[in-house]
Amino acid sequence: MADPSRTRRPRALWPLLAAPGTIWLLALLVVPMYVVLAILFGQIDPVLRRPVPVWNPVEWNLIQFRFVLEHIVGEQGYFGPALVRTAVYVGVASVLCLLIAYPVAYFTARVVTRGRGLLLAALIAPFWISYMMRMLAWINLLQNDGLVNRLITLNGLWDTRVDWLSGHATTVVLGLAYGYVPYMILPLYAGLDRIPTSMLEAARDLGATRFQTWRRVTWPMSRVAVIASVILTCLPMLGDYFTADLLSGSPDTSMVGNLINTSVLTPGQTGQAAAFVLLVLLVSLFPMWIYVRVTREGEETRT
C-alpha cells in the first residue's frame, strides 16, 4: 500500500516550483495589462487632460476604444494606413531575416567543425550592444555622404545619391531586418543543431546529394524552428517605433508603435494609445498560439 505522504509531496511540490514564474507573470504581464485596460476604458480629466483609470470593470466606458475602431477604415480612417503598413513592414522584414538567418544558422550548426564557439560568440555579440547604438551605426551608413551612397556613386564618380533617411519604406524595412536578425539566428541554430547527424549520414549513404539531403531531411526537421523563430522575431517588431522614428521620421512610414508613442505624448490621447496596445495584443495572440502549438508538436515528434 502506497504511503499517502509520498503522494502528497509531488502535488505540493509542482505549484511551489511554479510560484516564482506565476508571480513574475502576474507582476509583469497581467497587472500592467489590467492598468492599460483601466486607462483605455476609463475617463479623461477635462482640465489637466490626464487619464483617470477606472478600476471597476462594471464602470468601464467604450468611447475611446470605439473612437479608434471607427477611424481605422472609411473616410476618416487615418489610423488604418499605419496598421496596414505595420503588417507589410513586419512581414517583409521577417522574410529578409529568414533569408539571412537560415544560411548563417545552417553554416554554424551543420558545416563548421572548428571554431564554432568563436562563431557563436560573434553571433551573440550584437546582444551586448544596445539597439539604439546599432541603429545609429545604420544612420552613419545611410547618410548622404555615408558608405552606401559612396558605393552607389563609386566614391563620387557620378551623382546618384539617394536620401535614404527622408521617409523611405525600404530604409525602415532594412532597419527592422538589421535590428532583429540576431533574434532569429539563435533559435534557428538551436533547431538545426538538434537534428541527428545519423539521419543526415543515412540520407547520404542512400545516394542523396547535399541539396536533396537538405530538402528531404534537414528542411522538414527544421520547420518547427523556422516557424518559432519567425514568430519570436515578428512579435517585437509589431510594437517597434524607434526604427521608423530614427531612420525616417516621416508620417508616411509610421507604424502602430509610432501611433502609440505619439498618443502617449499627446495630452488627452493616452486612452487611444491603450487601444492600440490592446489591438496589437489581440493580433499577437494568434501567432503566439501558433508558436505554442508548433513547439508542442515538435516536442511530441522528438519523443
Protein backbone atom coordinates (compact mmCIF):
# COMPACT_ATOMS: atom_id res chain seq x y z
CA MET A 1 0.00 0.00 0.00
CA ALA A 2 1.41 3.41 -1.01
CA ASP A 3 2.36 5.89 1.65
CA PRO A 4 -0.06 8.89 1.49
CA SER A 5 2.72 11.31 2.43
CA ARG A 6 4.71 10.32 -0.64
CA THR A 7 1.81 11.02 -2.98
CA ARG A 8 1.10 14.41 -1.44
CA ARG A 9 4.61 15.77 -1.78
CA PRO A 10 4.73 15.91 -5.60
CA ARG A 11 1.31 17.58 -5.72
CA ALA A 12 2.51 20.32 -3.41
CA LEU A 13 5.96 20.50 -5.00
CA TRP A 14 4.92 21.49 -8.54
CA PRO A 15 2.81 24.52 -7.54
CA LEU A 16 5.65 25.61 -5.28
CA LEU A 17 8.15 25.39 -8.13
CA ALA A 18 5.77 27.25 -10.45
CA ALA A 19 5.11 30.01 -7.90
CA PRO A 20 8.08 32.28 -8.87
CA GLY A 21 7.17 32.16 -12.55
CA THR A 22 3.50 32.71 -11.79
CA ILE A 23 4.25 35.73 -9.60
CA TRP A 24 6.59 37.10 -12.28
CA LEU A 25 3.88 36.64 -14.93
CA LEU A 26 1.25 38.34 -12.80
CA ALA A 27 3.51 41.26 -11.88
CA LEU A 28 4.94 41.96 -15.34
CA LEU A 29 2.09 40.96 -17.67
CA VAL A 30 -1.32 40.62 -16.08
CA VAL A 31 -1.16 43.66 -13.77
CA PRO A 32 0.30 46.06 -16.42
CA MET A 33 -2.28 44.83 -18.93
CA TYR A 34 -5.08 45.50 -16.46
CA VAL A 35 -3.70 49.02 -15.96
CA VAL A 36 -3.81 49.53 -19.73
CA LEU A 37 -7.44 48.35 -19.81
CA ALA A 38 -8.32 50.63 -16.88
CA ILE A 39 -6.88 53.59 -18.79
CA LEU A 40 -8.49 52.57 -22.09
CA PHE A 41 -11.96 52.16 -20.64
CA GLY A 42 -11.52 54.94 -18.09
CA GLN A 43 -12.02 58.69 -18.31
CA ILE A 44 -10.03 61.84 -19.07
CA ASP A 45 -9.61 64.74 -16.70
CA PRO A 46 -11.28 67.65 -18.58
CA VAL A 47 -8.93 70.22 -17.04
CA LEU A 48 -5.50 68.56 -16.90
CA ARG A 49 -6.18 66.26 -19.90
CA ARG A 50 -4.76 63.32 -17.98
CA PRO A 51 -6.14 59.78 -17.95
CA VAL A 52 -8.28 58.80 -15.00
CA PRO A 53 -8.16 54.99 -14.70
CA VAL A 54 -11.35 53.19 -13.79
CA TRP A 55 -10.52 50.01 -11.91
CA ASN A 56 -14.03 48.60 -11.69
CA PRO A 57 -14.86 46.75 -14.94
CA VAL A 58 -18.55 47.41 -14.39
CA GLU A 59 -17.92 51.15 -14.84
CA TRP A 60 -15.77 50.86 -17.95
CA ASN A 61 -16.55 53.16 -20.87
CA LEU A 62 -16.02 52.10 -24.51
CA ILE A 63 -15.86 55.60 -26.01
CA GLN A 64 -12.09 55.75 -26.60
CA PHE A 65 -11.87 52.22 -27.96
CA ARG A 66 -14.84 52.83 -30.23
CA PHE A 67 -13.23 56.06 -31.45
CA VAL A 68 -10.09 54.18 -32.54
CA LEU A 69 -12.08 51.43 -34.27
CA GLU A 70 -14.20 53.97 -36.15
CA HIS A 71 -11.07 55.67 -37.50
CA ILE A 72 -9.33 52.58 -38.88
CA VAL A 73 -11.40 52.19 -42.06
CA GLY A 74 -13.65 54.50 -44.01
CA GLU A 75 -13.38 58.13 -44.98
CA GLN A 76 -11.92 59.09 -41.60
CA GLY A 77 -9.75 56.01 -41.28
CA TYR A 78 -6.47 57.82 -40.70
CA PHE A 79 -5.26 55.08 -38.35
CA GLY A 80 -5.69 52.35 -40.95
CA PRO A 81 -2.64 53.05 -43.16
CA ALA A 82 -0.26 52.77 -40.21
CA LEU A 83 -1.77 49.41 -39.22
CA VAL A 84 -1.54 48.06 -42.77
CA ARG A 85 1.97 49.47 -43.08
CA THR A 86 2.99 47.69 -39.90
CA ALA A 87 1.77 44.34 -41.21
CA VAL A 88 3.61 44.82 -44.53
CA TYR A 89 6.85 46.04 -42.95
CA VAL A 90 6.90 43.25 -40.38
CA GLY A 91 6.11 40.61 -43.00
CA VAL A 92 8.80 41.74 -45.42
CA ALA A 93 11.39 42.24 -42.66
CA SER A 94 10.66 38.76 -41.26
CA VAL A 95 11.22 37.21 -44.68
CA LEU A 96 14.51 39.10 -45.05
CA CYS A 97 15.58 37.97 -41.59
CA LEU A 98 14.82 34.37 -42.51
CA LEU A 99 16.76 34.60 -45.78
CA ILE A 100 19.77 35.89 -43.86
CA ALA A 101 19.47 33.88 -40.65
CA TYR A 102 18.82 30.41 -42.04
CA PRO A 103 22.05 30.11 -44.08
CA VAL A 104 24.08 31.56 -41.19
CA ALA A 105 22.50 29.19 -38.66
CA TYR A 106 22.86 26.24 -41.02
CA PHE A 107 26.51 27.01 -41.67
CA THR A 108 27.20 27.34 -37.95
CA ALA A 109 25.30 24.22 -36.90
CA ARG A 110 25.97 21.79 -39.75
CA VAL A 111 29.12 22.91 -41.58
CA VAL A 112 31.52 24.46 -39.10
CA THR A 113 33.53 21.93 -37.11
CA ARG A 114 36.34 24.08 -35.74
CA GLY A 115 35.90 27.46 -34.16
CA ARG A 116 32.16 27.02 -33.63
CA GLY A 117 32.37 28.58 -30.18
CA LEU A 118 34.07 31.67 -31.58
CA LEU A 119 31.45 31.96 -34.31
CA LEU A 120 28.64 31.62 -31.78
CA ALA A 121 30.23 34.36 -29.69
CA ALA A 122 30.25 36.58 -32.79
CA LEU A 123 26.55 35.84 -33.34
CA ILE A 124 25.70 36.67 -29.74
CA ALA A 125 27.82 39.84 -29.73
CA PRO A 126 25.02 42.08 -31.15
CA PHE A 127 23.01 41.39 -27.99
CA TRP A 128 25.75 43.12 -26.00
CA ILE A 129 25.20 46.34 -27.95
CA SER A 130 22.07 48.41 -27.39
CA TYR A 131 19.52 48.60 -30.18
CA MET A 132 19.90 52.38 -30.31
CA MET A 133 23.64 52.14 -30.93
CA ARG A 134 23.09 49.69 -33.77
CA MET A 135 20.53 51.98 -35.36
CA LEU A 136 22.90 54.94 -35.03
CA ALA A 137 25.52 52.92 -36.87
CA TRP A 138 22.93 52.26 -39.58
CA ILE A 139 22.35 56.02 -39.85
CA ASN A 140 26.06 56.59 -40.45
CA LEU A 141 25.94 54.11 -43.31
CA LEU A 142 22.87 55.70 -44.93
CA GLN A 143 23.74 59.39 -44.67
CA ASN A 144 24.13 61.41 -47.83
CA ASP A 145 27.91 61.08 -47.54
CA GLY A 146 27.75 57.62 -45.98
CA LEU A 147 29.27 54.38 -47.17
CA VAL A 148 26.15 53.24 -49.07
CA ASN A 149 25.98 56.36 -51.23
CA ARG A 150 29.72 56.22 -51.78
CA LEU A 151 29.39 52.71 -53.14
CA ILE A 152 26.46 53.70 -55.35
CA THR A 153 28.26 56.71 -56.76
CA LEU A 154 31.62 54.89 -56.93
CA ASN A 155 33.03 57.43 -54.48
CA GLY A 156 31.62 60.44 -56.31
CA LEU A 157 32.19 59.28 -59.90
CA TRP A 158 28.62 60.29 -60.75
CA ASP A 159 25.85 61.91 -58.77
CA THR A 160 23.24 59.26 -58.00
CA ARG A 161 22.95 59.82 -54.27
CA VAL A 162 19.77 58.66 -52.53
CA ASP A 163 18.41 60.41 -49.47
CA TRP A 164 17.79 57.19 -47.56
CA LEU A 165 16.79 58.90 -44.30
CA SER A 166 13.91 61.02 -45.64
CA GLY A 167 10.90 58.73 -45.43
CA HIS A 168 11.84 55.65 -47.47
CA ALA A 169 9.92 52.48 -46.63
CA THR A 170 12.89 50.43 -47.81
CA THR A 171 15.10 52.02 -45.18
CA VAL A 172 12.65 51.16 -42.38
CA VAL A 173 12.30 47.56 -43.54
CA LEU A 174 16.06 47.13 -43.83
CA GLY A 175 16.48 48.69 -40.40
CA LEU A 176 13.98 46.24 -38.89
CA ALA A 177 15.73 43.30 -40.54
CA TYR A 178 19.12 44.56 -39.42
CA GLY A 179 17.97 45.09 -35.86
CA TYR A 180 16.09 41.83 -35.32
CA VAL A 181 18.00 39.27 -37.38
CA PRO A 182 20.13 38.16 -34.37
CA TYR A 183 16.94 37.14 -32.59
CA MET A 184 16.22 34.71 -35.43
CA ILE A 185 19.69 33.20 -35.85
CA LEU A 186 19.96 31.69 -32.37
CA PRO A 187 16.61 29.78 -32.38
CA LEU A 188 17.37 28.51 -35.87
CA TYR A 189 20.82 27.39 -34.76
CA ALA A 190 19.34 25.54 -31.79
CA GLY A 191 16.82 23.78 -34.02
CA LEU A 192 19.35 22.81 -36.69
CA ASP A 193 21.90 21.66 -34.13
CA ARG A 194 19.39 19.19 -32.64
CA ILE A 195 18.95 17.31 -35.93
CA PRO A 196 20.61 13.89 -35.51
CA THR A 197 23.71 13.56 -37.63
CA SER A 198 22.91 9.89 -38.19
CA MET A 199 19.82 10.80 -40.23
CA LEU A 200 21.84 13.06 -42.50
CA GLU A 201 24.50 10.39 -42.91
CA ALA A 202 21.83 7.81 -43.72
CA ALA A 203 20.45 10.06 -46.47
CA ARG A 204 23.92 10.49 -47.95
CA ASP A 205 24.54 6.73 -47.78
CA LEU A 206 21.33 6.14 -49.73
CA GLY A 207 22.66 8.29 -52.55
CA ALA A 208 21.12 11.68 -51.80
CA THR A 209 23.08 14.75 -52.75
CA ARG A 210 23.71 17.58 -50.29
CA PHE A 211 20.79 19.54 -51.66
CA GLN A 212 18.47 16.51 -51.60
CA THR A 213 19.54 15.78 -48.02
CA TRP A 214 18.71 19.33 -47.05
CA ARG A 215 15.37 19.33 -48.91
CA ARG A 216 14.13 15.94 -47.70
CA VAL A 217 15.68 15.70 -44.23
CA THR A 218 17.09 18.95 -42.88
CA TRP A 219 14.35 21.33 -44.01
CA PRO A 220 11.37 19.21 -42.81
CA MET A 221 13.05 18.67 -39.44
CA SER A 222 13.88 22.37 -39.06
CA ARG A 223 10.45 23.77 -39.99
CA VAL A 224 9.38 23.90 -36.35
CA ALA A 225 12.44 26.03 -35.53
CA VAL A 226 11.76 28.22 -38.58
CA ILE A 227 8.16 28.91 -37.57
CA ALA A 228 9.11 29.53 -33.95
CA SER A 229 11.97 31.88 -34.86
CA VAL A 230 9.81 33.87 -37.30
CA ILE A 231 7.09 34.33 -34.69
CA LEU A 232 9.58 35.26 -31.96
CA THR A 233 11.06 37.86 -34.29
CA CYS A 234 7.89 39.40 -35.70
CA LEU A 235 6.18 39.85 -32.32
CA PRO A 236 8.60 42.55 -31.04
CA MET A 237 8.57 44.14 -34.48
CA LEU A 238 4.84 44.81 -34.13
CA GLY A 239 5.43 47.28 -31.33
CA ASP A 240 8.62 48.82 -32.69
CA TYR A 241 8.53 52.59 -33.09
CA PHE A 242 12.17 53.57 -32.62
CA THR A 243 13.35 52.26 -36.00
CA ALA A 244 10.86 54.26 -38.05
CA ASP A 245 11.46 57.38 -35.96
CA LEU A 246 15.22 57.22 -36.25
CA LEU A 247 15.59 56.06 -39.86
CA SER A 248 12.71 58.01 -41.35
CA GLY A 249 10.79 60.35 -39.07
CA SER A 250 8.11 60.70 -41.72
CA PRO A 251 4.37 60.10 -41.16
CA ASP A 252 4.37 58.16 -44.43
CA THR A 253 6.41 55.38 -42.78
CA SER A 254 4.86 55.43 -39.30
CA MET A 255 3.86 52.12 -37.72
CA VAL A 256 1.44 51.24 -34.96
CA GLY A 257 4.25 51.69 -32.43
CA ASN A 258 4.60 55.29 -33.60
CA LEU A 259 0.86 55.80 -33.10
CA ILE A 260 1.20 54.51 -29.54
CA ASN A 261 4.20 56.73 -28.83
CA THR A 262 2.53 59.83 -30.28
CA SER A 263 -0.70 59.19 -28.38
CA VAL A 264 1.15 58.75 -25.09
CA LEU A 265 2.99 62.05 -25.57
CA THR A 266 -0.19 63.95 -26.57
CA PRO A 267 -2.35 65.18 -23.65
CA GLY A 268 -5.78 63.57 -23.62
CA GLN A 269 -4.90 60.72 -26.02
CA THR A 270 -3.48 58.17 -23.60
CA GLY A 271 -6.64 56.12 -23.97
CA GLN A 272 -6.03 55.88 -27.71
CA ALA A 273 -2.53 54.56 -27.01
CA ALA A 274 -4.08 51.92 -24.76
CA ALA A 275 -6.48 50.99 -27.57
CA PHE A 276 -3.60 50.44 -29.97
CA VAL A 277 -1.81 48.34 -27.34
CA LEU A 278 -4.92 46.18 -26.99
CA LEU A 279 -5.20 45.79 -30.76
CA VAL A 280 -1.55 44.72 -31.01
CA LEU A 281 -2.10 42.23 -28.19
CA LEU A 282 -5.17 40.75 -29.87
CA VAL A 283 -3.30 40.39 -33.16
CA SER A 284 -0.34 38.82 -31.35
CA LEU A 285 -2.48 36.15 -29.71
CA PHE A 286 -2.82 34.19 -32.95
CA PRO A 287 0.93 33.87 -33.72
CA MET A 288 1.58 33.13 -30.04
CA TRP A 289 -0.98 30.32 -30.21
CA ILE A 290 0.74 29.01 -33.35
CA TYR A 291 4.10 29.16 -31.56
CA VAL A 292 2.81 27.16 -28.59
CA ARG A 293 1.20 24.60 -30.88
CA VAL A 294 4.26 24.24 -33.09
CA THR A 295 6.66 23.84 -30.18
CA ARG A 296 4.38 21.26 -28.59
CA GLU A 297 4.20 19.29 -31.84
CA GLY A 298 7.99 19.49 -32.12
CA GLU A 299 8.42 18.07 -28.64
CA GLU A 300 5.97 15.25 -29.38
CA THR A 301 7.85 14.44 -32.60
CA ARG A 302 11.19 14.24 -30.80
CA THR A 303 9.75 11.99 -28.10
